């Protein structure tokens, strides 16, 4: 069930995938499929965040919880949905509201955040699969150890990475993040349940300030219209 690691991440994560706990996770997912359980996202998209954002390009880590449990929504990037999904999920609508308040950006017409991933925003859920219709159904099955290893690997990159932590689940990863050269921006979760504490946080401009202070190019947080989507490969460091 679990696909091979993207080649760029293999040297950093291979030891984690050789642990008995990872083999047990793979067996658990295989057994779930054998029982007829629909698992989201599709297997080839489980490591989509790692595929789009190789380690040398990571500038920001945005931590989510687990994929959307609605079939057709999740595609391996936290908070992001496939371009055709309507309506846009509530958390993502609040993210877009804050982009407008913080940076004056127009409201995107879709919910696909691949343009962020191509710029170095690692859109990482802490649990990478979910059973259809059962949010949180694969928590505690082994993904947390793997994604902790991803965070640990990013924390040992030589350049600054800004960790954008929304909500209590993400904040629990703080002990994994070295203080230097990295920075942490922590806010409430953008869920409709906590949006009153998230809206107005201006986290996107704060992330860019930490990047530019370290000589790194800021993130263009705008989300291109569907006709203009495509890989964006900016320079990691500013000219």
Protein backbone atom coordinates (compact mmCIF):
# COMPACT_ATOMS: atom_id res chain seq x y z
CA UNK A 1 0.00 0.00 0.00
CA UNK A 2 2.67 2.52 1.00
CA UNK A 3 4.55 3.70 -2.11
CA UNK A 4 8.33 4.13 -2.31
CA UNK A 5 9.82 7.30 -0.86
CA UNK A 6 10.55 10.11 -3.31
CA UNK A 7 14.25 9.76 -4.22
CA UNK A 8 15.28 13.13 -2.78
CA UNK A 9 14.00 12.14 0.68
CA UNK A 10 15.35 8.58 0.62
CA UNK A 11 18.71 9.35 2.30
CA UNK A 12 16.97 11.23 5.12
CA UNK A 13 14.10 8.83 5.82
CA UNK A 14 15.23 5.36 4.74
CA UNK A 15 16.14 4.34 8.29
CA UNK A 16 12.62 5.20 9.45
CA UNK A 17 11.05 3.04 6.76
CA UNK A 18 13.15 0.07 7.87
CA UNK A 19 11.69 0.11 11.39
CA UNK A 20 9.24 -2.63 12.45
CA UNK A 21 6.65 0.06 13.19
CA UNK A 22 6.64 1.16 9.55
CA UNK A 23 6.24 -2.41 8.35
CA UNK A 24 3.33 -2.78 10.79
CA UNK A 25 1.73 0.36 9.38
CA UNK A 26 2.05 -1.01 5.86
CA UNK A 27 0.41 -4.29 6.93
CA UNK A 28 -2.39 -2.39 8.66
CA UNK A 29 -3.16 -0.47 5.46
CA UNK A 30 -2.97 -3.61 3.32
CA UNK A 31 -5.40 -5.37 5.67
CA UNK A 32 -7.77 -2.39 5.56
CA UNK A 33 -7.78 -2.50 1.77
CA UNK A 34 -8.40 -6.25 1.83
CA UNK A 35 -11.48 -5.59 4.00
CA UNK A 36 -12.80 -3.24 1.34
CA UNK A 37 -11.97 -0.01 3.16
CA UNK A 38 -11.49 3.01 0.95
CA UNK A 39 -8.29 4.79 1.94
CA UNK A 40 -7.58 8.41 1.07
CA UNK A 41 -5.66 9.81 -0.68
CA UNK A 42 -4.87 7.40 -3.49
CA UNK A 43 -1.67 5.41 -2.82
CA UNK A 44 0.41 7.27 -5.41
CA UNK A 45 -0.45 10.56 -3.66
CA UNK A 46 0.42 9.58 -0.09
CA UNK A 47 3.88 11.18 -0.40
CA UNK A 48 2.76 14.00 -2.71
CA UNK A 49 3.97 16.70 -0.29
CA UNK A 50 7.46 15.16 -0.26
CA UNK A 51 7.45 14.77 -4.05
CA UNK A 52 6.62 18.42 -4.71
CA UNK A 53 8.94 19.83 -2.04
CA UNK A 54 12.34 18.10 -1.91
CA UNK A 55 14.42 18.76 1.21
CA UNK A 56 16.84 21.22 -0.36
CA UNK A 57 13.91 23.48 -1.32
CA UNK A 58 12.02 23.43 1.99
CA UNK A 59 11.60 26.94 3.37
CA UNK A 60 8.36 26.53 5.32
CA UNK A 61 6.73 23.54 7.00
CA UNK A 62 2.96 23.84 7.37
CA UNK A 63 1.60 21.07 9.57
CA UNK A 64 -1.88 19.67 9.19
CA UNK A 65 -3.59 16.77 10.97
CA UNK A 66 -4.87 14.13 8.55
CA UNK A 67 -6.29 14.17 5.02
CA UNK A 68 -9.82 15.24 4.19
CA UNK A 69 -12.06 12.16 4.60
CA UNK A 70 -14.37 13.06 1.70
CA UNK A 71 -13.58 11.04 -1.46
CA UNK A 72 -12.18 13.24 -4.21
CA UNK A 73 -10.89 15.94 -1.86
CA UNK A 74 -7.50 14.83 -0.48
CA UNK A 75 -4.47 14.71 -2.76
CA UNK A 76 -1.55 14.48 -0.36
CA UNK A 77 -1.11 18.14 0.66
CA UNK A 78 -2.42 19.41 3.98
CA UNK A 79 -5.35 21.86 3.76
CA UNK A 80 -5.30 21.59 -0.05
CA UNK A 81 -8.04 20.00 -2.16
CA UNK A 82 -8.24 19.03 -5.80
CA UNK A 83 -8.91 22.04 -8.04
CA UNK A 84 -12.43 20.94 -8.96
CA UNK A 85 -13.68 20.57 -5.36
CA UNK A 86 -16.62 22.80 -4.43
CA UNK A 87 -17.38 24.16 -1.95
CA UNK A 88 -13.92 24.96 -0.63
CA UNK A 89 -13.56 23.51 2.91
CA UNK A 90 -14.19 25.85 5.83
CA UNK A 91 -10.61 25.87 7.17
CA UNK A 92 -9.27 26.77 3.75
CA UNK A 93 -11.84 29.55 3.34
CA UNK A 94 -10.54 31.03 6.61
CA UNK A 95 -6.96 30.70 5.39
CA UNK A 96 -7.96 32.68 2.31
CA UNK A 97 -9.67 35.32 4.46
CA UNK A 98 -6.45 35.79 6.41
CA UNK A 99 -4.44 36.04 3.19
CA UNK A 100 -6.71 38.93 2.22
CA UNK A 101 -6.38 40.67 5.58
CA UNK A 102 -2.66 40.08 5.96
CA UNK A 103 -1.37 40.53 2.42
CA UNK A 104 -4.29 42.01 0.49
CA UNK A 105 -4.51 38.99 -1.78
CA UNK A 106 -7.71 38.25 -3.72
CA UNK A 107 -9.82 35.26 -2.77
CA UNK A 108 -8.75 32.25 -4.92
CA UNK A 109 -11.42 30.47 -6.94
CA UNK A 110 -10.21 26.97 -6.02
CA UNK A 111 -8.54 25.13 -3.17
CA UNK A 112 -5.41 23.61 -4.73
CA UNK A 113 -2.23 24.79 -2.96
CA UNK A 114 0.32 23.13 -5.22
CA UNK A 115 1.80 26.54 -6.09
CA UNK A 116 2.89 26.86 -2.44
CA UNK A 117 4.47 23.40 -2.47
CA UNK A 118 6.50 24.20 -5.59
CA UNK A 119 7.93 27.24 -3.80
CA UNK A 120 9.18 25.30 -0.79
CA UNK A 121 6.17 25.07 1.53
CA UNK A 122 6.09 21.48 2.79
CA UNK A 123 2.36 20.86 3.22
CA UNK A 124 2.69 17.97 5.65
CA UNK A 125 -0.09 16.19 7.49
CA UNK A 126 1.00 14.40 10.66
CA UNK A 127 -1.08 11.38 9.56
CA UNK A 128 -0.90 10.66 5.83
CA UNK A 129 -3.97 8.47 5.26
CA UNK A 130 -7.58 8.36 6.39
CA UNK A 131 -10.49 5.97 5.85
CA UNK A 132 -13.20 7.55 3.73
CA UNK A 133 -15.81 9.19 5.90
CA UNK A 134 -13.89 8.70 9.16
CA UNK A 135 -11.76 11.72 10.05
CA UNK A 136 -8.88 10.72 12.31
CA UNK A 137 -9.46 7.04 11.64
CA UNK A 138 -5.77 6.28 11.05
CA UNK A 139 -4.37 8.19 13.99
CA UNK A 140 -2.17 6.13 16.25
CA UNK A 141 -1.41 3.53 13.57
CA UNK A 142 2.21 4.54 12.91
CA UNK A 143 2.18 7.59 10.65
CA UNK A 144 3.06 9.90 13.53
CA UNK A 145 6.48 8.27 13.95
CA UNK A 146 7.18 8.68 10.24
CA UNK A 147 6.15 12.33 10.04
CA UNK A 148 8.10 13.06 13.23
CA UNK A 149 11.11 11.73 11.31
CA UNK A 150 10.34 14.14 8.47
CA UNK A 151 10.21 17.06 10.91
CA UNK A 152 13.46 15.88 12.52
CA UNK A 153 15.13 15.69 9.11
CA UNK A 154 13.97 19.18 8.15
CA UNK A 155 15.11 20.48 11.52
CA UNK A 156 18.67 19.44 10.65
CA UNK A 157 18.79 21.21 7.30
CA UNK A 158 21.54 23.85 7.23
CA UNK A 159 19.33 26.76 6.12
CA UNK A 160 16.50 28.41 8.02
CA UNK A 161 13.07 26.81 7.84
CA UNK A 162 9.98 28.49 9.27
CA UNK A 163 7.55 26.09 10.95
CA UNK A 164 3.97 27.32 10.69
CA UNK A 165 2.00 25.60 13.44
CA UNK A 166 -1.78 26.00 13.49
CA UNK A 167 -3.57 24.61 16.53
CA UNK A 168 -2.67 22.38 19.46
CA UNK A 169 -1.86 19.23 17.47
CA UNK A 170 0.77 21.09 15.48
CA UNK A 171 2.19 22.81 18.58
CA UNK A 172 2.91 19.41 20.09
CA UNK A 173 5.69 19.07 17.52
CA UNK A 174 7.64 21.99 19.03
CA UNK A 175 10.09 19.74 20.93
CA UNK A 176 11.22 18.28 17.57
CA UNK A 177 12.23 21.67 16.14
CA UNK A 178 15.73 23.04 16.89
CA UNK A 179 15.74 26.69 17.92
CA UNK A 180 18.46 27.67 15.44
CA UNK A 181 18.58 28.50 12.62
CA UNK A 182 14.83 27.91 12.42
CA UNK A 183 11.81 29.95 13.48
CA UNK A 184 8.31 29.00 14.62
CA UNK A 185 5.08 30.86 13.95
CA UNK A 186 2.27 29.40 16.06
CA UNK A 187 -1.38 30.43 15.91
CA UNK A 188 -4.86 29.04 16.46
CA UNK A 189 -6.19 26.56 13.91
CA UNK A 190 -8.13 28.03 10.95
CA UNK A 191 -11.05 25.65 11.56
CA UNK A 192 -14.43 27.39 11.78
CA UNK A 193 -14.45 26.28 15.44
CA UNK A 194 -11.41 28.41 16.30
CA UNK A 195 -11.36 30.92 13.43
CA UNK A 196 -12.04 33.88 15.73
CA UNK A 197 -8.58 33.31 17.22
CA UNK A 198 -6.93 32.64 13.85
CA UNK A 199 -8.28 35.54 11.81
CA UNK A 200 -6.10 38.60 12.21
CA UNK A 201 -2.96 36.64 13.20
CA UNK A 202 -1.01 37.89 10.14
CA UNK A 203 1.02 34.69 10.11
CA UNK A 204 1.87 34.83 6.40
CA UNK A 205 3.71 38.14 6.58
CA UNK A 206 5.45 36.96 9.76
CA UNK A 207 6.71 33.85 7.96
CA UNK A 208 8.07 35.96 5.11
CA UNK A 209 9.77 38.32 7.55
CA UNK A 210 11.65 35.39 9.12
CA UNK A 211 12.68 34.16 5.67
CA UNK A 212 13.97 37.49 4.40
CA UNK A 213 15.90 38.07 7.63
CA UNK A 214 17.85 34.91 6.80
CA UNK A 215 18.49 35.91 3.18
CA UNK A 216 15.82 33.59 1.83
CA UNK A 217 13.26 34.54 -0.78
CA UNK A 218 9.76 35.11 0.63
CA UNK A 219 6.83 32.91 -0.33
CA UNK A 220 4.39 34.23 -2.89
CA UNK A 221 1.23 33.23 -1.01
CA UNK A 222 -1.09 34.09 -3.89
CA UNK A 223 -2.91 31.11 -5.40
CA UNK A 224 -2.92 31.25 -9.22
CA UNK A 225 -6.18 30.92 -11.09
CA UNK A 226 -6.75 27.49 -12.55
CA UNK A 227 -5.72 28.58 -16.04
CA UNK A 228 -2.39 29.69 -14.68
CA UNK A 229 -1.47 26.85 -12.37
CA UNK A 230 1.82 25.12 -12.89
CA UNK A 231 5.17 24.50 -11.25
CA UNK A 232 6.87 27.54 -9.80
CA UNK A 233 10.57 27.09 -9.15
CA UNK A 234 11.93 30.28 -7.56
CA UNK A 235 15.46 30.62 -6.31
CA UNK A 236 15.89 29.46 -2.73
CA UNK A 237 18.07 32.43 -1.79
CA UNK A 238 17.48 36.05 -2.65
CA UNK A 239 19.66 37.75 -5.21
